[in-house]
N, C-alpha and C. Protein backbone atom coordinates (compact mmCIF):
# COMPACT_ATOMS: atom_id res chain seq x y z
N MET A 1 0.83 -1.09 0.07
CA MET A 1 0.09 -0.01 -0.11
C MET A 1 0.91 1.31 -0.04
N LYS A 2 0.63 2.22 -0.78
CA LYS A 2 1.38 3.39 -0.89
C LYS A 2 0.94 4.54 0.19
N ALA A 3 1.90 4.96 0.70
CA ALA A 3 1.75 5.99 1.79
C ALA A 3 1.28 7.40 1.19
N ASP A 4 1.62 7.60 -0.05
CA ASP A 4 1.46 8.93 -0.48
C ASP A 4 0.14 9.03 -1.55
N ARG A 5 -0.81 8.35 -0.99
CA ARG A 5 -2.11 8.22 -1.72
C ARG A 5 -2.76 9.62 -1.61
N GLN A 6 -3.51 10.03 -2.77
CA GLN A 6 -4.24 11.20 -2.85
C GLN A 6 -5.77 10.85 -2.59
N GLU A 7 -6.40 11.89 -1.93
CA GLU A 7 -7.87 11.73 -1.82
C GLU A 7 -8.48 11.62 -3.21
N ALA A 8 -9.54 11.01 -3.37
CA ALA A 8 -10.33 10.85 -4.47
C ALA A 8 -10.88 12.14 -5.08
N SER A 9 -11.17 13.18 -4.14
CA SER A 9 -11.57 14.36 -4.52
C SER A 9 -10.75 15.51 -5.18
N GLU A 10 -9.40 15.03 -4.95
CA GLU A 10 -8.30 15.92 -5.54
C GLU A 10 -7.92 15.39 -6.83
N PRO A 11 -8.22 16.17 -7.93
CA PRO A 11 -7.69 15.79 -9.15
C PRO A 11 -6.16 15.78 -9.31
N THR A 12 -5.66 14.82 -10.11
CA THR A 12 -4.13 14.81 -10.47
C THR A 12 -3.76 15.51 -11.61
N SER A 13 -2.56 15.68 -11.86
CA SER A 13 -2.16 16.45 -13.21
C SER A 13 -2.53 15.40 -14.37
N GLU A 14 -2.45 14.23 -14.14
CA GLU A 14 -2.75 13.27 -15.14
C GLU A 14 -4.21 13.16 -15.39
N ASP A 15 -5.14 13.34 -14.59
CA ASP A 15 -6.47 13.18 -14.71
C ASP A 15 -7.21 14.41 -14.41
N LYS A 16 -7.35 15.31 -15.45
CA LYS A 16 -8.08 16.61 -15.35
C LYS A 16 -9.46 16.49 -15.18
N GLY A 17 -10.11 15.29 -15.19
CA GLY A 17 -11.45 15.07 -14.89
C GLY A 17 -12.27 15.41 -16.17
N PRO A 18 -13.55 15.46 -16.12
CA PRO A 18 -14.45 15.75 -17.31
C PRO A 18 -14.47 17.17 -17.86
N PHE A 19 -14.54 17.30 -19.12
CA PHE A 19 -14.53 18.60 -19.89
C PHE A 19 -15.86 19.18 -19.59
N PRO A 20 -15.97 20.50 -19.27
CA PRO A 20 -17.09 21.14 -18.90
C PRO A 20 -18.10 21.27 -20.38
N SER A 21 -19.31 21.31 -20.15
CA SER A 21 -20.29 21.50 -21.16
C SER A 21 -20.94 22.88 -20.98
N THR A 22 -21.54 23.27 -22.20
CA THR A 22 -22.32 24.53 -22.15
C THR A 22 -23.25 24.59 -20.89
N GLY A 23 -23.32 25.76 -20.25
CA GLY A 23 -24.19 25.81 -19.00
C GLY A 23 -23.67 25.51 -17.68
N ASP A 24 -22.62 24.70 -17.69
CA ASP A 24 -21.87 24.04 -16.49
C ASP A 24 -21.42 25.34 -15.70
N VAL A 25 -21.52 25.37 -14.44
CA VAL A 25 -20.76 26.39 -13.62
C VAL A 25 -19.58 25.69 -13.08
N VAL A 26 -18.45 26.40 -13.39
CA VAL A 26 -16.97 25.97 -13.04
C VAL A 26 -16.24 26.95 -12.29
N GLU A 27 -15.29 26.30 -11.53
CA GLU A 27 -14.32 27.01 -10.68
C GLU A 27 -13.06 26.93 -11.44
N LEU A 28 -12.41 28.09 -11.53
CA LEU A 28 -10.87 28.00 -12.03
C LEU A 28 -10.02 28.38 -10.93
N ARG A 29 -9.06 27.42 -10.75
CA ARG A 29 -8.15 27.49 -9.58
C ARG A 29 -6.70 27.42 -10.25
N ARG A 30 -5.86 28.16 -9.57
CA ARG A 30 -4.42 28.24 -9.80
C ARG A 30 -3.62 28.11 -8.55
N ASP A 31 -2.85 27.12 -8.52
CA ASP A 31 -2.09 26.78 -7.30
C ASP A 31 -2.89 26.61 -6.10
N GLY A 32 -4.19 26.07 -6.40
CA GLY A 32 -5.07 25.85 -5.20
C GLY A 32 -6.03 27.10 -4.86
N ALA A 33 -5.65 28.17 -5.41
CA ALA A 33 -6.34 29.35 -5.10
C ALA A 33 -7.46 29.71 -6.14
N LEU A 34 -8.77 29.79 -5.76
CA LEU A 34 -9.87 30.03 -6.48
C LEU A 34 -9.69 31.51 -7.02
N PHE A 35 -9.90 31.78 -8.32
CA PHE A 35 -9.73 33.02 -8.91
C PHE A 35 -10.82 33.37 -9.71
N ARG A 36 -11.68 32.41 -10.05
CA ARG A 36 -12.83 32.76 -10.86
C ARG A 36 -13.91 31.63 -10.83
N VAL A 37 -15.16 32.05 -10.81
CA VAL A 37 -16.33 31.16 -10.85
C VAL A 37 -17.10 31.63 -11.91
N GLY A 38 -17.64 30.68 -12.85
CA GLY A 38 -18.55 31.33 -13.87
C GLY A 38 -19.23 30.27 -14.64
N ALA A 39 -20.23 30.59 -15.58
CA ALA A 39 -21.00 29.70 -16.41
C ALA A 39 -20.23 29.44 -17.69
N VAL A 40 -20.14 28.25 -18.18
CA VAL A 40 -19.61 28.11 -19.48
C VAL A 40 -20.72 28.51 -20.55
N GLU A 41 -20.23 29.33 -21.33
CA GLU A 41 -21.02 30.01 -22.30
C GLU A 41 -21.06 29.20 -23.79
N THR A 42 -19.76 28.89 -24.09
CA THR A 42 -19.59 28.15 -25.40
C THR A 42 -18.49 27.23 -25.20
N VAL A 43 -18.58 26.02 -25.62
CA VAL A 43 -17.51 25.04 -25.70
C VAL A 43 -17.19 24.92 -27.26
N MET A 44 -15.75 24.98 -27.40
CA MET A 44 -15.31 24.81 -28.91
C MET A 44 -15.59 23.36 -29.36
N PRO A 45 -15.93 23.26 -30.60
CA PRO A 45 -16.30 21.93 -31.08
C PRO A 45 -15.22 20.92 -31.14
N ASP A 46 -14.03 21.51 -31.34
CA ASP A 46 -12.91 20.61 -31.47
C ASP A 46 -12.21 20.29 -30.08
N GLY A 47 -12.86 20.76 -29.01
CA GLY A 47 -12.35 20.58 -27.42
C GLY A 47 -11.17 21.25 -27.21
N THR A 48 -10.79 22.39 -27.77
CA THR A 48 -9.51 23.10 -27.50
C THR A 48 -9.72 24.09 -26.28
N GLY A 49 -11.03 24.26 -25.88
CA GLY A 49 -11.27 25.15 -24.70
C GLY A 49 -12.64 25.54 -24.80
N PHE A 50 -12.88 26.58 -23.88
CA PHE A 50 -14.30 26.98 -23.60
C PHE A 50 -14.34 28.46 -23.31
N TRP A 51 -15.36 29.15 -23.59
CA TRP A 51 -15.66 30.45 -23.07
C TRP A 51 -16.43 30.48 -21.73
N LEU A 52 -16.08 31.31 -20.76
CA LEU A 52 -16.84 31.63 -19.58
C LEU A 52 -17.45 32.99 -19.81
N ALA A 53 -18.85 32.96 -19.44
CA ALA A 53 -19.63 34.17 -19.72
C ALA A 53 -19.32 35.22 -18.85
N SER A 54 -19.41 36.64 -19.25
CA SER A 54 -19.22 37.71 -18.30
C SER A 54 -20.12 37.66 -17.14
N GLN A 55 -19.77 38.37 -16.11
CA GLN A 55 -20.60 38.25 -14.95
C GLN A 55 -20.21 39.43 -14.22
N GLY A 56 -21.10 40.35 -13.80
CA GLY A 56 -20.70 41.41 -13.01
C GLY A 56 -19.42 42.24 -13.69
N LEU A 57 -18.44 42.50 -12.94
CA LEU A 57 -17.30 43.08 -13.48
C LEU A 57 -16.36 42.19 -14.17
N ASP A 58 -16.52 40.83 -14.12
CA ASP A 58 -15.52 40.01 -14.80
C ASP A 58 -16.19 39.84 -16.16
N THR A 59 -15.07 39.99 -17.17
CA THR A 59 -15.18 39.84 -18.67
C THR A 59 -15.32 38.51 -19.03
N ARG A 60 -15.87 38.31 -20.19
CA ARG A 60 -15.75 37.03 -20.97
C ARG A 60 -14.39 36.65 -21.08
N ILE A 61 -14.02 35.32 -20.72
CA ILE A 61 -12.70 34.98 -21.05
C ILE A 61 -12.60 33.54 -21.70
N TYR A 62 -11.74 33.41 -22.43
CA TYR A 62 -11.41 32.04 -23.19
C TYR A 62 -10.63 31.31 -22.30
N VAL A 63 -10.82 30.01 -21.96
CA VAL A 63 -10.00 29.12 -21.12
C VAL A 63 -9.62 27.88 -22.03
N PRO A 64 -8.28 27.82 -22.57
CA PRO A 64 -7.85 26.84 -23.29
C PRO A 64 -7.72 25.55 -22.50
N SER A 65 -7.96 24.25 -23.12
CA SER A 65 -8.03 23.09 -22.31
C SER A 65 -6.50 22.76 -22.16
N SER A 66 -5.51 23.26 -22.83
CA SER A 66 -4.25 22.94 -22.76
C SER A 66 -3.45 23.56 -21.52
N GLN A 67 -4.14 24.37 -20.87
CA GLN A 67 -3.51 25.06 -19.73
C GLN A 67 -3.18 24.09 -18.58
N ASP A 68 -2.04 23.73 -18.28
CA ASP A 68 -1.76 22.66 -17.21
C ASP A 68 -1.78 23.29 -15.94
N GLU A 69 -1.41 24.69 -15.81
CA GLU A 69 -1.50 25.35 -14.44
C GLU A 69 -2.95 25.61 -13.78
N LEU A 70 -4.02 25.34 -14.72
CA LEU A 70 -5.23 25.61 -14.27
C LEU A 70 -5.95 24.42 -13.74
N ASP A 71 -6.66 24.54 -12.71
CA ASP A 71 -7.43 23.40 -12.25
C ASP A 71 -8.93 23.81 -12.39
N ILE A 72 -9.67 23.04 -13.18
CA ILE A 72 -11.01 23.41 -13.70
C ILE A 72 -11.84 22.46 -12.92
N ARG A 73 -12.67 22.92 -12.18
CA ARG A 73 -13.67 21.99 -11.36
C ARG A 73 -15.20 22.44 -11.74
N ILE A 74 -15.90 21.39 -12.07
CA ILE A 74 -17.16 21.57 -12.44
C ILE A 74 -18.11 21.47 -11.10
N ARG A 75 -18.94 22.65 -10.86
CA ARG A 75 -19.72 22.55 -9.64
C ARG A 75 -20.96 21.56 -9.93
N PRO A 76 -21.26 20.91 -8.90
CA PRO A 76 -22.46 20.05 -9.12
C PRO A 76 -23.73 20.96 -9.15
N VAL A 77 -24.68 20.49 -9.89
CA VAL A 77 -25.87 21.19 -10.13
C VAL A 77 -26.88 20.73 -8.80
N PRO A 78 -27.45 21.72 -8.15
CA PRO A 78 -28.18 21.48 -7.04
C PRO A 78 -29.55 20.72 -7.50
N GLN A 79 -29.89 19.72 -6.86
CA GLN A 79 -31.21 19.15 -7.10
C GLN A 79 -32.50 19.53 -6.17
N VAL A 80 -32.54 20.80 -6.03
CA VAL A 80 -33.50 21.35 -5.02
C VAL A 80 -34.75 21.04 -5.71
N ALA A 81 -35.02 21.14 -6.86
CA ALA A 81 -36.52 21.03 -7.34
C ALA A 81 -37.06 19.51 -7.22
N SER A 82 -36.11 18.54 -7.50
CA SER A 82 -36.45 17.25 -7.35
C SER A 82 -36.70 16.87 -5.90
N GLU A 83 -35.85 17.42 -4.93
CA GLU A 83 -36.05 17.22 -3.55
C GLU A 83 -37.41 17.78 -3.07
N LEU A 84 -37.87 18.92 -3.59
CA LEU A 84 -39.17 19.46 -3.25
C LEU A 84 -40.41 18.84 -3.74
N THR A 85 -40.20 18.53 -5.00
CA THR A 85 -41.56 17.85 -5.73
C THR A 85 -41.63 16.45 -5.69
N GLY A 86 -40.48 15.68 -5.55
CA GLY A 86 -40.48 14.36 -5.44
C GLY A 86 -40.09 13.78 -6.99
N VAL A 87 -40.04 14.83 -7.90
CA VAL A 87 -39.90 14.37 -9.29
C VAL A 87 -38.45 14.55 -9.69
N ALA A 88 -38.00 13.45 -10.34
CA ALA A 88 -36.57 13.55 -10.94
C ALA A 88 -36.55 14.52 -11.90
N LEU A 89 -35.34 15.11 -12.02
CA LEU A 89 -35.07 16.06 -13.27
C LEU A 89 -34.49 15.34 -14.35
């Protein structure tokens, strides 16, 4: 058994996780520090990156998928409606 095991919730550099889809809310982190949260506005058809929508004073930005120094985390969608109504979304 390895002593240097990482927690399952922490992505490794080899496994960047799933690529975001249009409408997903993502967190952008650099060196563990959160620097931007936003909704994915457009995903490039060839998978080279995506655009984060502008929000408040934050302008629209392009996030290339090849940026190794960025940690891109997709926020889970809350299931509030299904919990209140008992109807699955």
